[in-house]
């Protein structure tokens, strides 16, 4: 019984370590859907860099999505959202876990604001 318990704990530890290693490696290489110079798909005139979006159109947009958050030691995922009025530049609101801050561009979708 003691050997089975030790084997089970060893396997669980190895799986946990592998999962943490894979998660950390993936977080730093998240693809952004903001291609073409930061343009948001389906939202003509709207572009974002980091958590700042510029709207050069006559329409207002609601933007929401995810962002990679980081501190000195870790990466995690956060959320971003905001309303970008016509012909304006706005910082999106973001939520990151703990003391982490947004890093890089957002993965966002936009829709016309009511």
Foldseek 3Di string as FASTA:
>chain_A
DVVVVVVVVVVVVVVVVVVVVVVQVVLVVDDAPLPDQQDAPPQPQWGDWFQKIFRADQFKKKKKFKFWWDDPPGIDIKIWIDIHHHGGMDGTDIDDPDPTDGDTHTRMHMDTDD
